């Protein structure tokens, strides 16, 4: 039986191998999760994560002012980051007004750093360093 399998395999034309792109020099050995990368890549979400990487916390209004976006737009982006557990949101009241305070989680900080490492590796490879 094994001889028949080998004979059949030898008679069938070899399937062409899929072409693979070279890895970017200096990039992490494990592949970057494409879904996580797309989540961080978007301009407003990258901005939110970057701002929270240098500030312990920011309010909804501070983020809104920083990125000049509508309430709905900021809320949608922040919610996506919360769902991914990259941000936490604490809601409270100050002078009878609702206040949302955002913080970057350790998972969010790791995702941001992985994304930035990848972008830096692409830049180095493009510039030939």
Protein backbone atom coordinates (compact mmCIF):
# COMPACT_ATOMS: atom_id res chain seq x y z
CA UNK A 1 0.00 0.00 0.00
CA UNK A 2 2.82 2.42 0.89
CA UNK A 3 4.41 1.75 -2.50
CA UNK A 4 1.18 2.77 -4.27
CA UNK A 5 1.01 6.03 -2.32
CA UNK A 6 4.63 6.84 -3.17
CA UNK A 7 4.08 5.97 -6.83
CA UNK A 8 0.97 8.16 -7.01
CA UNK A 9 2.78 11.05 -5.31
CA UNK A 10 5.67 10.76 -7.76
CA UNK A 11 3.28 10.74 -10.75
CA UNK A 12 1.33 13.84 -9.66
CA UNK A 13 2.76 17.19 -10.71
CA UNK A 14 4.30 19.15 -7.88
CA UNK A 15 2.10 21.96 -6.65
CA UNK A 16 3.81 25.32 -6.82
CA UNK A 17 4.90 26.67 -3.47
CA UNK A 18 3.31 29.83 -2.26
CA UNK A 19 5.57 32.79 -2.49
CA UNK A 20 6.37 34.36 0.86
CA UNK A 21 7.48 37.87 1.49
CA UNK A 22 10.72 38.36 3.35
CA UNK A 23 10.33 39.36 6.94
CA UNK A 24 11.23 42.87 7.92
CA UNK A 25 14.68 42.91 9.51
CA UNK A 26 14.49 43.66 13.20
CA UNK A 27 10.84 42.68 13.52
CA UNK A 28 9.62 40.37 16.25
CA UNK A 29 9.95 36.65 15.54
CA UNK A 30 6.30 35.94 16.18
CA UNK A 31 3.95 37.43 13.59
CA UNK A 32 1.96 40.46 14.60
CA UNK A 33 -1.72 39.70 15.05
CA UNK A 34 -3.22 41.45 12.03
CA UNK A 35 -6.51 42.18 13.80
CA UNK A 36 -4.71 43.78 16.75
CA UNK A 37 -2.48 45.75 14.39
CA UNK A 38 -5.49 47.12 12.49
CA UNK A 39 -7.10 48.05 15.79
CA UNK A 40 -4.08 50.15 16.85
CA UNK A 41 -3.29 51.49 13.36
CA UNK A 42 -6.34 53.73 12.97
CA UNK A 43 -5.40 57.40 13.50
CA UNK A 44 -7.71 58.26 16.40
CA UNK A 45 -7.16 54.96 18.24
CA UNK A 46 -3.38 55.23 17.83
CA UNK A 47 -3.62 58.79 19.11
CA UNK A 48 -5.68 57.77 22.14
CA UNK A 49 -3.26 54.99 23.04
CA UNK A 50 -0.21 57.20 22.49
CA UNK A 51 -1.64 60.01 24.61
CA UNK A 52 -2.46 57.57 27.40
CA UNK A 53 1.01 56.06 27.17
CA UNK A 54 2.50 59.37 28.34
CA UNK A 55 -0.33 60.46 30.67
CA UNK A 56 -1.69 58.25 33.41
CA UNK A 57 -5.26 59.18 32.57
CA UNK A 58 -7.29 61.48 30.34
CA UNK A 59 -10.95 62.42 30.41
CA UNK A 60 -13.32 62.05 27.49
CA UNK A 61 -13.36 65.82 26.98
CA UNK A 62 -9.55 66.04 27.03
CA UNK A 63 -9.32 63.32 24.38
CA UNK A 64 -12.05 64.96 22.33
CA UNK A 65 -10.17 68.26 22.38
CA UNK A 66 -6.84 66.61 21.56
CA UNK A 67 -8.11 64.89 18.42
CA UNK A 68 -10.88 67.30 17.37
CA UNK A 69 -13.46 64.56 16.85
CA UNK A 70 -17.17 64.34 17.57
CA UNK A 71 -18.55 62.71 20.72
CA UNK A 72 -19.86 59.75 18.73
CA UNK A 73 -16.61 59.24 16.85
CA UNK A 74 -14.47 59.29 19.99
CA UNK A 75 -16.93 57.10 21.84
CA UNK A 76 -16.89 54.47 19.07
CA UNK A 77 -13.07 54.37 18.95
CA UNK A 78 -12.74 54.24 22.74
CA UNK A 79 -15.32 51.44 22.91
CA UNK A 80 -13.34 49.33 20.43
CA UNK A 81 -10.20 49.78 22.52
CA UNK A 82 -12.14 48.91 25.67
CA UNK A 83 -13.56 45.77 24.06
CA UNK A 84 -10.01 44.71 23.19
CA UNK A 85 -9.08 45.42 26.85
CA UNK A 86 -6.52 48.04 25.77
CA UNK A 87 -8.27 50.78 27.79
CA UNK A 88 -10.30 51.03 30.94
CA UNK A 89 -13.01 53.61 31.42
CA UNK A 90 -14.14 54.79 34.83
CA UNK A 91 -17.40 56.74 34.88
CA UNK A 92 -18.28 59.11 37.69
CA UNK A 93 -19.96 62.43 38.33
CA UNK A 94 -18.25 65.74 38.98
CA UNK A 95 -20.49 68.67 39.93
CA UNK A 96 -23.49 66.62 38.75
CA UNK A 97 -21.93 66.13 35.34
CA UNK A 98 -20.91 62.72 34.04
CA UNK A 99 -17.18 62.23 33.59
CA UNK A 100 -15.39 59.36 31.84
CA UNK A 101 -11.73 58.79 32.66
CA UNK A 102 -9.62 56.55 30.41
CA UNK A 103 -6.45 54.66 31.28
CA UNK A 104 -4.20 52.45 29.19
CA UNK A 105 -4.02 48.84 30.41
CA UNK A 106 -0.82 46.76 30.47
CA UNK A 107 -2.24 44.78 27.52
CA UNK A 108 -2.84 48.03 25.65
CA UNK A 109 0.68 49.26 26.39
CA UNK A 110 2.11 45.96 25.08
CA UNK A 111 -0.01 46.18 21.90
CA UNK A 112 1.10 49.78 21.33
CA UNK A 113 4.77 48.93 21.82
CA UNK A 114 4.54 45.91 19.49
CA UNK A 115 2.92 48.09 16.83
CA UNK A 116 5.54 50.83 17.24
CA UNK A 117 8.37 48.25 17.10
CA UNK A 118 6.92 46.92 13.86
CA UNK A 119 6.61 50.40 12.34
CA UNK A 120 10.18 51.24 13.38
CA UNK A 121 11.44 48.01 11.76
CA UNK A 122 9.64 48.88 8.53
CA UNK A 123 11.16 52.36 8.57
CA UNK A 124 14.67 50.96 9.16
CA UNK A 125 14.22 48.43 6.34
CA UNK A 126 12.93 51.12 3.99
CA UNK A 127 15.82 53.43 4.73
CA UNK A 128 18.31 50.59 4.37
CA UNK A 129 19.71 50.69 7.90
